[in-house]
């Protein structure tokens, strides 16, 4: 089974291109910075995982994903190789995205916005008023069947 699940932050806005031909398909590429669980010399470290996504999901990434945003991605790891113009063999590894979603609320994303360079404000997806989350009344803990 080939399955990769990543949660991290986008290193830059997705780069989108379209395939050639009658049925042009969107192809988006982005890199997710994923924190490593263990630190080296008490310094946080991260892996930078290249991702590629196709079709309507690529268009979604282009429209809503922005640099610094925390995202969750799942897909399969794909390796490949090619010979560059200097005749050197280059090996590639990337995640072919099958599912992608936001991994933080809009409020958290906007609070972190100052920490990350933003090229443009993220467009607002059509959602109910507020941040899209239901308000839970105080004191409901006693009524819930679990803790």
Protein backbone atom coordinates (compact mmCIF):
# COMPACT_ATOMS: atom_id res chain seq x y z
CA UNK A 1 0.00 0.00 0.00
CA UNK A 2 1.34 3.43 -0.96
CA UNK A 3 -0.31 6.11 1.22
CA UNK A 4 1.16 9.35 2.54
CA UNK A 5 -0.57 11.71 4.98
CA UNK A 6 0.97 15.12 5.62
CA UNK A 7 0.02 18.04 7.85
CA UNK A 8 2.11 21.16 7.46
CA UNK A 9 2.34 24.66 6.08
CA UNK A 10 2.59 25.76 2.47
CA UNK A 11 6.00 27.23 1.68
CA UNK A 12 4.53 29.41 -1.09
CA UNK A 13 1.34 29.87 -3.11
CA UNK A 14 0.54 26.91 -5.37
CA UNK A 15 1.93 27.13 -8.91
CA UNK A 16 -0.73 26.18 -11.47
CA UNK A 17 -0.32 25.29 -15.13
CA UNK A 18 -2.68 23.73 -17.63
CA UNK A 19 -2.02 20.70 -19.80
CA UNK A 20 -2.16 21.15 -23.55
CA UNK A 21 -4.84 19.75 -25.80
CA UNK A 22 -8.61 19.91 -26.14
CA UNK A 23 -9.33 18.95 -22.54
CA UNK A 24 -6.82 21.16 -20.71
CA UNK A 25 -6.37 19.93 -17.13
CA UNK A 26 -5.12 22.09 -14.26
CA UNK A 27 -1.93 20.87 -12.59
CA UNK A 28 -0.98 22.53 -9.29
CA UNK A 29 2.33 22.11 -7.51
CA UNK A 30 3.12 23.18 -3.98
CA UNK A 31 5.49 22.27 -1.18
CA UNK A 32 4.37 21.41 2.35
CA UNK A 33 6.78 22.03 5.23
CA UNK A 34 6.20 19.25 7.77
CA UNK A 35 7.76 19.58 11.22
CA UNK A 36 9.79 16.61 12.36
CA UNK A 37 8.78 15.07 15.65
CA UNK A 38 12.29 15.09 17.07
CA UNK A 39 14.57 18.10 17.17
CA UNK A 40 18.26 18.23 16.37
CA UNK A 41 20.28 20.31 18.88
CA UNK A 42 17.00 21.66 20.30
CA UNK A 43 16.27 23.31 16.95
CA UNK A 44 13.01 22.50 15.17
CA UNK A 45 13.53 20.80 11.83
CA UNK A 46 11.18 20.24 8.93
CA UNK A 47 10.93 18.22 5.77
CA UNK A 48 9.84 20.00 2.60
CA UNK A 49 7.59 17.67 0.63
CA UNK A 50 6.73 18.52 -2.99
CA UNK A 51 3.09 17.81 -3.92
CA UNK A 52 1.23 17.72 -7.22
CA UNK A 53 -2.55 17.79 -7.66
CA UNK A 54 -4.71 17.61 -10.78
CA UNK A 55 -8.08 18.79 -12.13
CA UNK A 56 -10.68 20.46 -9.95
CA UNK A 57 -8.56 19.89 -6.86
CA UNK A 58 -5.74 21.85 -8.52
CA UNK A 59 -8.16 24.69 -9.26
CA UNK A 60 -9.29 24.60 -5.60
CA UNK A 61 -5.66 24.84 -4.44
CA UNK A 62 -5.04 27.77 -6.77
CA UNK A 63 -8.11 29.62 -5.50
CA UNK A 64 -7.89 29.02 -1.75
CA UNK A 65 -4.40 27.85 -0.68
CA UNK A 66 -1.87 30.53 0.27
CA UNK A 67 1.68 30.60 1.60
CA UNK A 68 1.89 29.87 5.33
CA UNK A 69 -1.53 28.18 5.44
CA UNK A 70 -1.73 24.92 7.42
CA UNK A 71 -3.07 22.11 5.23
CA UNK A 72 -3.68 18.39 5.42
CA UNK A 73 -2.81 16.32 2.36
CA UNK A 74 -3.12 12.63 1.59
CA UNK A 75 -2.04 10.79 -1.49
CA UNK A 76 0.59 8.46 -2.85
CA UNK A 77 4.34 8.83 -3.13
CA UNK A 78 5.60 8.76 -6.68
CA UNK A 79 9.24 8.58 -7.74
CA UNK A 80 10.70 9.25 -11.14
CA UNK A 81 13.78 10.41 -12.98
CA UNK A 82 14.81 12.38 -16.03
CA UNK A 83 18.01 13.52 -17.71
CA UNK A 84 18.52 17.28 -17.54
CA UNK A 85 20.01 19.43 -20.31
CA UNK A 86 23.53 18.82 -18.94
CA UNK A 87 23.07 15.06 -19.32
CA UNK A 88 22.82 14.46 -15.56
CA UNK A 89 20.24 11.99 -14.26
CA UNK A 90 17.87 13.74 -11.78
CA UNK A 91 15.72 11.69 -9.40
CA UNK A 92 12.38 13.03 -8.15
CA UNK A 93 10.00 12.17 -5.33
CA UNK A 94 6.62 13.84 -4.82
CA UNK A 95 3.20 13.19 -3.33
CA UNK A 96 0.40 12.85 -5.87
CA UNK A 97 -2.45 14.39 -3.89
CA UNK A 98 -5.74 12.52 -3.68
CA UNK A 99 -7.29 14.59 -0.85
CA UNK A 100 -6.44 18.05 0.48
CA UNK A 101 -8.08 20.27 3.06
CA UNK A 102 -7.54 23.15 5.43
CA UNK A 103 -5.96 22.12 8.74
CA UNK A 104 -6.79 25.29 10.67
CA UNK A 105 -9.72 27.63 10.97
CA UNK A 106 -9.83 30.88 9.04
CA UNK A 107 -9.31 32.81 12.30
CA UNK A 108 -6.14 30.81 13.08
CA UNK A 109 -4.94 31.33 9.51
CA UNK A 110 -5.47 35.08 9.72
CA UNK A 111 -3.80 35.23 13.16
CA UNK A 112 -0.74 33.52 11.67
CA UNK A 113 -0.80 35.73 8.62
CA UNK A 114 1.63 38.18 10.23
CA UNK A 115 4.17 35.37 10.62
CA UNK A 116 4.16 34.48 6.95
CA UNK A 117 4.59 36.56 3.85
CA UNK A 118 1.31 36.81 1.97
CA UNK A 119 1.17 37.70 -1.71
CA UNK A 120 -2.57 38.37 -1.62
CA UNK A 121 -5.40 37.84 0.82
CA UNK A 122 -7.06 34.47 0.48
CA UNK A 123 -10.48 34.72 -1.15
CA UNK A 124 -13.34 33.82 1.13
CA UNK A 125 -15.14 30.60 0.26
CA UNK A 126 -18.88 30.97 0.49
CA UNK A 127 -19.72 29.89 4.02
CA UNK A 128 -22.21 30.72 6.72
CA UNK A 129 -21.65 33.85 8.74
CA UNK A 130 -18.76 33.78 11.20
CA UNK A 131 -15.90 31.34 10.89
CA UNK A 132 -18.06 28.41 9.76
CA UNK A 133 -17.96 26.63 13.11
CA UNK A 134 -21.02 26.03 15.25
CA UNK A 135 -21.06 27.78 18.63
CA UNK A 136 -21.27 25.32 21.53
CA UNK A 137 -23.14 26.74 24.52
CA UNK A 138 -21.45 26.87 27.93
CA UNK A 139 -22.39 24.15 30.42
CA UNK A 140 -23.24 21.55 27.79
CA UNK A 141 -20.44 19.26 29.06
CA UNK A 142 -22.81 17.72 31.61
CA UNK A 143 -25.22 16.70 28.84
CA UNK A 144 -22.68 15.02 26.57
CA UNK A 145 -22.45 11.19 26.75
CA UNK A 146 -18.62 11.32 26.67
CA UNK A 147 -15.78 13.35 28.18
